[in-house]
Amino acid sequence: MIYSLRINVKGKVQGVWFRKSTQLKASALGLCGDVQNLKDGSVLIQVTGEKENVLGLLKWCENGSLHSKVDSISYEEIESIPKTGFEIIR
């Protein structure tokens, strides 16, 4: 079942390889979408794929990259993202 989420991760998530680590994890799970830093210091992830794999990425976000410190995660279901691959938006 194809499933899509918009995930917002807050905490120490910029400048700690969070976006690159998210891209690597999402790609390993066969997911499509993107990740970007927001001006408020959080990270926004939009992801589409098999529901089990999307939920796996959501679970991964609880800890994130090696040097990140996640304070909170919010997410909402969204319409499927028409992308191939998973990119970092700069």
N, C-alpha and C. Protein backbone atom coordinates (compact mmCIF):
# COMPACT_ATOMS: atom_id res chain seq x y z
N MET A 1 0.84 -1.19 0.00
CA MET A 1 0.00 0.00 0.00
C MET A 1 0.89 1.25 0.00
N ILE A 2 0.68 2.13 -0.96
CA ILE A 2 1.46 3.37 -1.04
C ILE A 2 0.93 4.35 0.00
N TYR A 3 1.86 4.98 0.70
CA TYR A 3 1.54 5.84 1.83
C TYR A 3 2.48 7.03 1.78
N SER A 4 1.99 8.21 2.13
CA SER A 4 2.83 9.42 2.10
C SER A 4 2.66 10.22 3.37
N LEU A 5 3.77 10.74 3.86
CA LEU A 5 3.76 11.57 5.05
C LEU A 5 4.57 12.83 4.84
N ARG A 6 4.17 13.88 5.54
CA ARG A 6 4.97 15.10 5.71
C ARG A 6 5.39 15.06 7.18
N ILE A 7 6.70 15.05 7.41
CA ILE A 7 7.25 14.91 8.75
C ILE A 7 8.06 16.16 9.08
N ASN A 8 7.84 16.72 10.27
CA ASN A 8 8.62 17.87 10.74
C ASN A 8 9.37 17.43 11.99
N VAL A 9 10.70 17.57 11.95
CA VAL A 9 11.55 17.13 13.04
C VAL A 9 12.20 18.36 13.67
N LYS A 10 12.04 18.50 14.99
CA LYS A 10 12.61 19.65 15.71
C LYS A 10 13.65 19.17 16.70
N GLY A 11 14.61 20.03 16.96
CA GLY A 11 15.70 19.73 17.89
C GLY A 11 17.00 20.18 17.26
N LYS A 12 18.08 19.52 17.65
CA LYS A 12 19.39 19.79 17.04
C LYS A 12 19.48 18.91 15.79
N VAL A 13 18.89 19.41 14.70
CA VAL A 13 18.79 18.60 13.47
C VAL A 13 19.37 19.30 12.25
N GLN A 14 19.95 20.47 12.44
CA GLN A 14 20.64 21.15 11.33
C GLN A 14 22.12 21.21 11.67
N GLY A 15 22.95 20.97 10.64
CA GLY A 15 24.39 21.00 10.84
C GLY A 15 24.94 19.73 11.47
N VAL A 16 24.14 18.66 11.46
CA VAL A 16 24.57 17.40 12.08
C VAL A 16 24.35 16.21 11.12
N TRP A 17 24.37 16.49 9.82
CA TRP A 17 24.21 15.48 8.78
C TRP A 17 22.83 14.82 8.81
N PHE A 18 21.83 15.50 9.35
CA PHE A 18 20.49 14.92 9.43
C PHE A 18 19.89 14.70 8.04
N ARG A 19 20.00 15.72 7.17
CA ARG A 19 19.41 15.58 5.83
C ARG A 19 20.07 14.45 5.04
N LYS A 20 21.40 14.39 5.04
CA LYS A 20 22.11 13.35 4.30
C LYS A 20 21.77 11.97 4.88
N SER A 21 21.73 11.86 6.20
CA SER A 21 21.39 10.59 6.83
C SER A 21 19.95 10.18 6.50
N THR A 22 19.06 11.16 6.44
CA THR A 22 17.67 10.88 6.07
C THR A 22 17.61 10.37 4.63
N GLN A 23 18.36 11.02 3.74
CA GLN A 23 18.39 10.59 2.34
C GLN A 23 18.90 9.16 2.22
N LEU A 24 19.95 8.84 2.93
CA LEU A 24 20.52 7.49 2.87
C LEU A 24 19.53 6.45 3.41
N LYS A 25 18.88 6.75 4.54
CA LYS A 25 17.92 5.83 5.13
C LYS A 25 16.71 5.66 4.21
N ALA A 26 16.19 6.76 3.69
CA ALA A 26 15.03 6.69 2.79
C ALA A 26 15.36 5.89 1.53
N SER A 27 16.52 6.12 0.97
CA SER A 27 16.92 5.39 -0.24
C SER A 27 17.06 3.90 0.06
N ALA A 28 17.63 3.57 1.21
CA ALA A 28 17.78 2.16 1.59
C ALA A 28 16.42 1.48 1.75
N LEU A 29 15.40 2.26 2.14
CA LEU A 29 14.05 1.74 2.31
C LEU A 29 13.24 1.78 1.02
N GLY A 30 13.83 2.30 -0.07
CA GLY A 30 13.15 2.37 -1.36
C GLY A 30 12.08 3.45 -1.41
N LEU A 31 12.29 4.53 -0.67
CA LEU A 31 11.30 5.60 -0.59
C LEU A 31 11.64 6.74 -1.54
N CYS A 32 10.64 7.51 -1.92
CA CYS A 32 10.80 8.69 -2.76
C CYS A 32 10.39 9.92 -1.94
N GLY A 33 10.96 11.06 -2.30
CA GLY A 33 10.58 12.30 -1.64
C GLY A 33 11.74 13.26 -1.52
N ASP A 34 11.69 14.07 -0.46
CA ASP A 34 12.74 15.05 -0.26
C ASP A 34 12.84 15.44 1.21
N VAL A 35 13.96 16.10 1.53
CA VAL A 35 14.21 16.59 2.88
C VAL A 35 14.85 17.97 2.76
N GLN A 36 14.45 18.88 3.65
CA GLN A 36 15.02 20.23 3.61
C GLN A 36 15.04 20.86 4.99
N ASN A 37 16.00 21.76 5.19
CA ASN A 37 16.05 22.57 6.40
C ASN A 37 15.03 23.69 6.29
N LEU A 38 14.39 24.02 7.40
CA LEU A 38 13.47 25.16 7.45
C LEU A 38 14.11 26.28 8.26
N LYS A 39 13.65 27.50 8.03
CA LYS A 39 14.23 28.68 8.69
C LYS A 39 14.09 28.64 10.20
N ASP A 40 13.10 27.89 10.72
CA ASP A 40 12.90 27.83 12.17
C ASP A 40 13.85 26.84 12.85
N GLY A 41 14.75 26.22 12.09
CA GLY A 41 15.72 25.28 12.65
C GLY A 41 15.28 23.83 12.60
N SER A 42 14.08 23.58 12.11
CA SER A 42 13.59 22.21 11.99
C SER A 42 13.91 21.65 10.61
N VAL A 43 13.60 20.38 10.43
CA VAL A 43 13.79 19.71 9.15
C VAL A 43 12.43 19.18 8.69
N LEU A 44 12.14 19.39 7.40
CA LEU A 44 10.89 18.93 6.80
C LEU A 44 11.21 17.78 5.85
N ILE A 45 10.48 16.68 6.02
CA ILE A 45 10.63 15.50 5.17
C ILE A 45 9.28 15.22 4.52
N GLN A 46 9.27 15.02 3.21
CA GLN A 46 8.08 14.57 2.50
C GLN A 46 8.45 13.25 1.85
N VAL A 47 7.68 12.21 2.13
CA VAL A 47 8.09 10.87 1.74
C VAL A 47 6.91 10.04 1.26
N THR A 48 7.16 9.21 0.25
CA THR A 48 6.16 8.31 -0.31
C THR A 48 6.78 6.94 -0.52
N GLY A 49 5.99 5.92 -0.24
CA GLY A 49 6.46 4.56 -0.49
C GLY A 49 5.53 3.55 0.16
N GLU A 50 6.01 2.34 0.27
CA GLU A 50 5.25 1.31 0.95
C GLU A 50 5.05 1.73 2.41
N LYS A 51 3.83 1.56 2.92
CA LYS A 51 3.49 2.06 4.25
C LYS A 51 4.47 1.59 5.31
N GLU A 52 4.82 0.31 5.29
CA GLU A 52 5.74 -0.24 6.30
C GLU A 52 7.08 0.49 6.27
N ASN A 53 7.57 0.82 5.05
CA ASN A 53 8.86 1.50 4.92
C ASN A 53 8.78 2.97 5.33
N VAL A 54 7.66 3.64 4.98
CA VAL A 54 7.46 5.03 5.40
C VAL A 54 7.42 5.10 6.93
N LEU A 55 6.72 4.16 7.55
CA LEU A 55 6.66 4.14 9.01
C LEU A 55 8.03 3.79 9.61
N GLY A 56 8.82 3.01 8.89
CA GLY A 56 10.19 2.73 9.32
C GLY A 56 11.04 3.99 9.34
N LEU A 57 10.88 4.84 8.33
CA LEU A 57 11.61 6.12 8.32
C LEU A 57 11.13 7.01 9.44
N LEU A 58 9.83 7.05 9.67
CA LEU A 58 9.28 7.85 10.77
C LEU A 58 9.89 7.39 12.10
N LYS A 59 9.99 6.11 12.32
CA LYS A 59 10.60 5.56 13.54
C LYS A 59 12.07 5.96 13.62
N TRP A 60 12.79 5.89 12.49
CA TRP A 60 14.19 6.27 12.45
C TRP A 60 14.36 7.73 12.89
N CYS A 61 13.41 8.59 12.51
CA CYS A 61 13.48 10.02 12.83
C CYS A 61 13.49 10.28 14.33
N GLU A 62 13.02 9.34 15.13
CA GLU A 62 13.02 9.54 16.59
C GLU A 62 14.42 9.77 17.12
N ASN A 63 15.43 9.17 16.48
CA ASN A 63 16.83 9.36 16.88
C ASN A 63 17.62 10.13 15.85
N GLY A 64 17.33 9.91 14.57
CA GLY A 64 18.00 10.64 13.50
C GLY A 64 19.45 10.29 13.32
N SER A 65 20.22 11.27 12.87
CA SER A 65 21.63 11.05 12.58
C SER A 65 22.43 10.94 13.88
N LEU A 66 23.66 10.52 13.74
CA LEU A 66 24.52 10.23 14.89
C LEU A 66 24.63 11.41 15.87
N HIS A 67 24.78 12.63 15.37
CA HIS A 67 25.00 13.78 16.24
C HIS A 67 23.77 14.64 16.46
N SER A 68 22.62 14.20 15.95
CA SER A 68 21.40 14.99 16.15
C SER A 68 20.78 14.69 17.52
N LYS A 69 19.93 15.61 17.96
CA LYS A 69 19.15 15.41 19.18
C LYS A 69 17.73 15.83 18.86
N VAL A 70 16.87 14.85 18.67
CA VAL A 70 15.49 15.11 18.28
C VAL A 70 14.66 15.43 19.52
N ASP A 71 14.02 16.59 19.50
CA ASP A 71 13.14 17.00 20.61
C ASP A 71 11.70 16.61 20.35
N SER A 72 11.24 16.75 19.11
CA SER A 72 9.85 16.41 18.79
C SER A 72 9.70 16.13 17.30
N ILE A 73 8.66 15.34 17.01
CA ILE A 73 8.32 15.00 15.63
C ILE A 73 6.82 15.20 15.47
N SER A 74 6.43 15.86 14.40
CA SER A 74 5.01 15.93 14.06
C SER A 74 4.90 15.44 12.62
N TYR A 75 3.76 14.88 12.29
CA TYR A 75 3.58 14.37 10.92
C TYR A 75 2.11 14.34 10.56
N GLU A 76 1.88 14.34 9.25
CA GLU A 76 0.53 14.24 8.73
C GLU A 76 0.57 13.47 7.42
N GLU A 77 -0.51 12.76 7.16
CA GLU A 77 -0.63 12.04 5.90
C GLU A 77 -0.91 13.05 4.79
N ILE A 78 -0.27 12.86 3.65
CA ILE A 78 -0.44 13.76 2.51
C ILE A 78 -0.71 12.93 1.26
N GLU A 79 -1.04 13.62 0.17
CA GLU A 79 -1.20 12.93 -1.11
C GLU A 79 0.16 12.47 -1.60
N SER A 80 0.16 11.42 -2.40
CA SER A 80 1.38 10.85 -2.94
C SER A 80 2.23 11.90 -3.64
N ILE A 81 3.53 11.80 -3.46
CA ILE A 81 4.48 12.74 -4.06
C ILE A 81 4.97 12.15 -5.38
N PRO A 82 4.77 12.86 -6.49
CA PRO A 82 5.19 12.33 -7.79
C PRO A 82 6.68 12.54 -8.04
N LYS A 83 7.52 11.79 -7.34
CA LYS A 83 8.97 11.90 -7.50
C LYS A 83 9.55 10.52 -7.66
N THR A 84 10.73 10.49 -8.24
CA THR A 84 11.52 9.28 -8.23
C THR A 84 12.78 9.61 -7.45
N GLY A 85 13.21 8.73 -6.60
CA GLY A 85 14.38 8.98 -5.80
C GLY A 85 14.07 9.87 -4.60
N PHE A 86 15.09 10.13 -3.83
CA PHE A 86 14.94 10.94 -2.63
C PHE A 86 16.02 12.01 -2.64
N GLU A 87 15.63 13.28 -2.62
CA GLU A 87 16.60 14.35 -2.78
C GLU A 87 16.68 15.28 -1.58
N ILE A 88 17.82 15.90 -1.46
CA ILE A 88 18.02 16.94 -0.46
C ILE A 88 17.76 18.26 -1.15
N ILE A 89 16.85 19.04 -0.59
CA ILE A 89 16.58 20.38 -1.12
C ILE A 89 17.44 21.36 -0.35
N ARG A 90 18.23 22.14 -1.06
CA ARG A 90 19.14 23.09 -0.40
C ARG A 90 18.59 24.48 -0.44
